[in-house]
Amino acid sequence: MPMEELAAASSVSSFTCLDTLYCYAVLRKADLSLRFEQRTMRMAAWVDDH
């Protein structure tokens, strides 16, 4: 096995399931809050139009 492949494999295994879940949760939360902001902005624009 090449040295860089070995390094990549070891870094992946040290990046635990918990880290993955944490990153997913952070990204999901950011995504949801962004969508909420967009919806709020759309509603505000709709109120301005009417």
PDB file of N, CA and C in Angstrom:
ATOM      1  N   MET A   1       0.850  -1.201   0.000  1.00  0.00           N
ATOM      2  CA  MET A   1       0.000   0.000   0.000  1.00  0.00           C
ATOM      3  C   MET A   1       0.886   1.252   0.000  1.00  0.00           C
ATOM      4  N   PRO A   2       0.625   2.199  -0.889  1.00  0.00           N
ATOM      5  CA  PRO A   2       1.420   3.433  -0.916  1.00  0.00           C
ATOM      6  C   PRO A   2       1.292   4.213   0.400  1.00  0.00           C
ATOM      7  N   MET A   3       2.294   4.982   0.685  1.00  0.00           N
ATOM      8  CA  MET A   3       2.357   5.711   1.958  1.00  0.00           C
ATOM      9  C   MET A   3       1.184   6.692   2.100  1.00  0.00           C
ATOM     10  N   GLU A   4       0.853   7.429   1.049  1.00  0.00           N
ATOM     11  CA  GLU A   4      -0.226   8.418   1.173  1.00  0.00           C
ATOM     12  C   GLU A   4      -1.595   7.767   1.348  1.00  0.00           C
ATOM     13  N   GLU A   5      -1.777   6.579   0.742  1.00  0.00           N
ATOM     14  CA  GLU A   5      -3.027   5.849   0.948  1.00  0.00           C
ATOM     15  C   GLU A   5      -3.167   5.422   2.405  1.00  0.00           C
ATOM     16  N   LEU A   6      -2.056   4.976   2.956  1.00  0.00           N
ATOM     17  CA  LEU A   6      -2.037   4.552   4.347  1.00  0.00           C
ATOM     18  C   LEU A   6      -2.366   5.738   5.257  1.00  0.00           C
ATOM     19  N   ALA A   7      -1.795   6.882   4.953  1.00  0.00           N
ATOM     20  CA  ALA A   7      -2.047   8.090   5.745  1.00  0.00           C
ATOM     21  C   ALA A   7      -3.519   8.492   5.641  1.00  0.00           C
ATOM     22  N   ALA A   8      -4.067   8.399   4.435  1.00  0.00           N
ATOM     23  CA  ALA A   8      -5.467   8.753   4.231  1.00  0.00           C
ATOM     24  C   ALA A   8      -6.376   7.805   5.015  1.00  0.00           C
ATOM     25  N   ALA A   9      -6.064   6.508   4.961  1.00  0.00           N
ATOM     26  CA  ALA A   9      -6.871   5.516   5.663  1.00  0.00           C
ATOM     27  C   ALA A   9      -6.832   5.749   7.170  1.00  0.00           C
ATOM     28  N   SER A  10      -5.659   6.078   7.694  1.00  0.00           N
ATOM     29  CA  SER A  10      -5.556   6.285   9.137  1.00  0.00           C
ATOM     30  C   SER A  10      -6.268   7.565   9.562  1.00  0.00           C
ATOM     31  N   SER A  11      -6.240   8.597   8.720  1.00  0.00           N
ATOM     32  CA  SER A  11      -6.919   9.832   9.087  1.00  0.00           C
ATOM     33  C   SER A  11      -8.433   9.643   9.031  1.00  0.00           C
ATOM     34  N   VAL A  12      -8.897   8.819   8.096  1.00  0.00           N
ATOM     35  CA  VAL A  12     -10.327   8.549   8.008  1.00  0.00           C
ATOM     36  C   VAL A  12     -10.796   7.775   9.236  1.00  0.00           C
ATOM     37  N   SER A  13     -10.005   6.784   9.656  1.00  0.00           N
ATOM     38  CA  SER A  13     -10.413   5.986  10.805  1.00  0.00           C
ATOM     39  C   SER A  13     -10.356   6.789  12.101  1.00  0.00           C
ATOM     40  N   SER A  14      -9.471   7.799  12.159  1.00  0.00           N
ATOM     41  CA  SER A  14      -9.417   8.616  13.370  1.00  0.00           C
ATOM     42  C   SER A  14     -10.562   9.626  13.399  1.00  0.00           C
ATOM     43  N   PHE A  15     -11.119   9.916  12.237  1.00  0.00           N
ATOM     44  CA  PHE A  15     -12.287  10.779  12.151  1.00  0.00           C
ATOM     45  C   PHE A  15     -13.498   9.913  12.477  1.00  0.00           C
ATOM     46  N   THR A  16     -13.924   9.965  13.710  1.00  0.00           N
ATOM     47  CA  THR A  16     -14.883   8.993  14.216  1.00  0.00           C
ATOM     48  C   THR A  16     -16.306   9.235  13.747  1.00  0.00           C
ATOM     49  N   CYS A  17     -17.148   8.282  14.043  1.00  0.00           N
ATOM     50  CA  CYS A  17     -18.567   8.359  13.733  1.00  0.00           C
ATOM     51  C   CYS A  17     -19.187   9.578  14.428  1.00  0.00           C
ATOM     52  N   LEU A  18     -18.760   9.835  15.637  1.00  0.00           N
ATOM     53  CA  LEU A  18     -19.287  10.964  16.398  1.00  0.00           C
ATOM     54  C   LEU A  18     -18.967  12.279  15.701  1.00  0.00           C
ATOM     55  N   ASP A  19     -17.721  12.392  15.186  1.00  0.00           N
ATOM     56  CA  ASP A  19     -17.344  13.597  14.447  1.00  0.00           C
ATOM     57  C   ASP A  19     -18.238  13.785  13.229  1.00  0.00           C
ATOM     58  N   THR A  20     -18.490  12.691  12.542  1.00  0.00           N
ATOM     59  CA  THR A  20     -19.327  12.740  11.339  1.00  0.00           C
ATOM     60  C   THR A  20     -20.732  13.203  11.690  1.00  0.00           C
ATOM     61  N   LEU A  21     -21.285  12.636  12.759  1.00  0.00           N
ATOM     62  CA  LEU A  21     -22.625  13.018  13.191  1.00  0.00           C
ATOM     63  C   LEU A  21     -22.669  14.479  13.615  1.00  0.00           C
ATOM     64  N   TYR A  22     -21.612  14.915  14.306  1.00  0.00           N
ATOM     65  CA  TYR A  22     -21.546  16.301  14.761  1.00  0.00           C
ATOM     66  C   TYR A  22     -21.503  17.249  13.562  1.00  0.00           C
ATOM     67  N   CYS A  23     -20.646  16.922  12.592  1.00  0.00           N
ATOM     68  CA  CYS A  23     -20.544  17.753  11.388  1.00  0.00           C
ATOM     69  C   CYS A  23     -21.872  17.796  10.653  1.00  0.00           C
ATOM     70  N   TYR A  24     -22.522  16.632  10.559  1.00  0.00           N
ATOM     71  CA  TYR A  24     -23.814  16.560   9.881  1.00  0.00           C
ATOM     72  C   TYR A  24     -24.837  17.443  10.601  1.00  0.00           C
ATOM     73  N   ALA A  25     -24.844  17.357  11.923  1.00  0.00           N
ATOM     74  CA  ALA A  25     -25.799  18.143  12.698  1.00  0.00           C
ATOM     75  C   ALA A  25     -25.552  19.636  12.514  1.00  0.00           C
ATOM     76  N   VAL A  26     -24.288  20.038  12.506  1.00  0.00           N
ATOM     77  CA  VAL A  26     -23.939  21.453  12.324  1.00  0.00           C
ATOM     78  C   VAL A  26     -24.377  21.937  10.940  1.00  0.00           C
ATOM     79  N   LEU A  27     -24.066  21.125   9.929  1.00  0.00           N
ATOM     80  CA  LEU A  27     -24.439  21.495   8.561  1.00  0.00           C
ATOM     81  C   LEU A  27     -25.951  21.556   8.413  1.00  0.00           C
ATOM     82  N   ARG A  28     -26.631  20.578   9.006  1.00  0.00           N
ATOM     83  CA  ARG A  28     -28.093  20.517   8.922  1.00  0.00           C
ATOM     84  C   ARG A  28     -28.712  21.741   9.589  1.00  0.00           C
ATOM     85  N   LYS A  29     -28.182  22.101  10.759  1.00  0.00           N
ATOM     86  CA  LYS A  29     -28.692  23.251  11.487  1.00  0.00           C
ATOM     87  C   LYS A  29     -28.473  24.531  10.680  1.00  0.00           C
ATOM     88  N   ALA A  30     -27.288  24.642  10.081  1.00  0.00           N
ATOM     89  CA  ALA A  30     -26.979  25.814   9.265  1.00  0.00           C
ATOM     90  C   ALA A  30     -27.911  25.877   8.063  1.00  0.00           C
ATOM     91  N   ASP A  31     -28.144  24.716   7.445  1.00  0.00           N
ATOM     92  CA  ASP A  31     -29.024  24.631   6.288  1.00  0.00           C
ATOM     93  C   ASP A  31     -30.450  25.028   6.663  1.00  0.00           C
ATOM     94  N   LEU A  32     -30.935  24.524   7.788  1.00  0.00           N
ATOM     95  CA  LEU A  32     -32.289  24.831   8.228  1.00  0.00           C
ATOM     96  C   LEU A  32     -32.450  26.307   8.573  1.00  0.00           C
ATOM     97  N   SER A  33     -31.460  26.881   9.258  1.00  0.00           N
ATOM     98  CA  SER A  33     -31.579  28.287   9.630  1.00  0.00           C
ATOM     99  C   SER A  33     -31.505  29.174   8.397  1.00  0.00           C
ATOM    100  N   LEU A  34     -30.694  28.750   7.406  1.00  0.00           N
ATOM    101  CA  LEU A  34     -30.606  29.509   6.160  1.00  0.00           C
ATOM    102  C   LEU A  34     -31.944  29.481   5.438  1.00  0.00           C
ATOM    103  N   ARG A  35     -32.549  28.296   5.375  1.00  0.00           N
ATOM    104  CA  ARG A  35     -33.850  28.171   4.722  1.00  0.00           C
ATOM    105  C   ARG A  35     -34.901  28.991   5.449  1.00  0.00           C
ATOM    106  N   PHE A  36     -34.842  28.985   6.775  1.00  0.00           N
ATOM    107  CA  PHE A  36     -35.801  29.746   7.565  1.00  0.00           C
ATOM    108  C   PHE A  36     -35.659  31.236   7.267  1.00  0.00           C
ATOM    109  N   GLU A  37     -34.399  31.716   7.170  1.00  0.00           N
ATOM    110  CA  GLU A  37     -34.154  33.120   6.854  1.00  0.00           C
ATOM    111  C   GLU A  37     -34.705  33.470   5.479  1.00  0.00           C
ATOM    112  N   GLN A  38     -34.468  32.567   4.514  1.00  0.00           N
ATOM    113  CA  GLN A  38     -34.958  32.825   3.154  1.00  0.00           C
ATOM    114  C   GLN A  38     -36.480  32.902   3.137  1.00  0.00           C
ATOM    115  N   ARG A  39     -37.129  31.998   3.872  1.00  0.00           N
ATOM    116  CA  ARG A  39     -38.587  31.983   3.929  1.00  0.00           C
ATOM    117  C   ARG A  39     -39.092  33.266   4.577  1.00  0.00           C
ATOM    118  N   THR A  40     -38.429  33.685   5.648  1.00  0.00           N
ATOM    119  CA  THR A  40     -38.822  34.912   6.341  1.00  0.00           C
ATOM    120  C   THR A  40     -38.670  36.113   5.414  1.00  0.00           C
ATOM    121  N   MET A  41     -37.565  36.140   4.658  1.00  0.00           N
ATOM    122  CA  MET A  41     -37.335  37.236   3.727  1.00  0.00           C
ATOM    123  C   MET A  41     -38.395  37.235   2.626  1.00  0.00           C
ATOM    124  N   ARG A  42     -38.752  36.034   2.141  1.00  0.00           N
ATOM    125  CA  ARG A  42     -39.787  35.927   1.111  1.00  0.00           C
ATOM    126  C   ARG A  42     -41.129  36.425   1.641  1.00  0.00           C
ATOM    127  N   MET A  43     -41.434  36.049   2.877  1.00  0.00           N
ATOM    128  CA  MET A  43     -42.694  36.486   3.477  1.00  0.00           C
ATOM    129  C   MET A  43     -42.707  37.998   3.640  1.00  0.00           C
ATOM    130  N   ALA A  44     -41.584  38.559   4.058  1.00  0.00           N
ATOM    131  CA  ALA A  44     -41.483  40.010   4.220  1.00  0.00           C
ATOM    132  C   ALA A  44     -41.661  40.705   2.874  1.00  0.00           C
ATOM    133  N   ALA A  45     -41.060  40.132   1.835  1.00  0.00           N
ATOM    134  CA  ALA A  45     -41.203  40.698   0.490  1.00  0.00           C
ATOM    135  C   ALA A  45     -42.657  40.610   0.030  1.00  0.00           C
ATOM    136  N   TRP A  46     -43.313  39.489   0.334  1.00  0.00           N
ATOM    137  CA  TRP A  46     -44.708  39.295  -0.043  1.00  0.00           C
ATOM    138  C   TRP A  46     -45.587  40.328   0.656  1.00  0.00           C
ATOM    139  N   VAL A  47     -45.303  40.571   1.939  1.00  0.00           N
ATOM    140  CA  VAL A  47     -46.076  41.559   2.705  1.00  0.00           C
ATOM    141  C   VAL A  47     -45.864  42.945   2.106  1.00  0.00           C
ATOM    142  N   ASP A  48     -44.628  43.236   1.696  1.00  0.00           N
ATOM    143  CA  ASP A  48     -44.349  44.537   1.078  1.00  0.00           C
ATOM    144  C   ASP A  48     -45.110  44.700  -0.237  1.00  0.00           C
ATOM    145  N   ASP A  49     -45.224  43.609  -1.003  1.00  0.00           N
ATOM    146  CA  ASP A  49     -45.906  43.667  -2.297  1.00  0.00           C
ATOM    147  C   ASP A  49     -47.408  43.878  -2.150  1.00  0.00           C
ATOM    148  N   HIS A  50     -47.984  43.321  -1.088  1.00  0.00           N
ATOM    149  CA  HIS A  50     -49.438  43.376  -0.934  1.00  0.00           C
ATOM    150  C   HIS A  50     -49.871  44.473   0.024  1.00  0.00           C
TER     151      HIS A  50
END
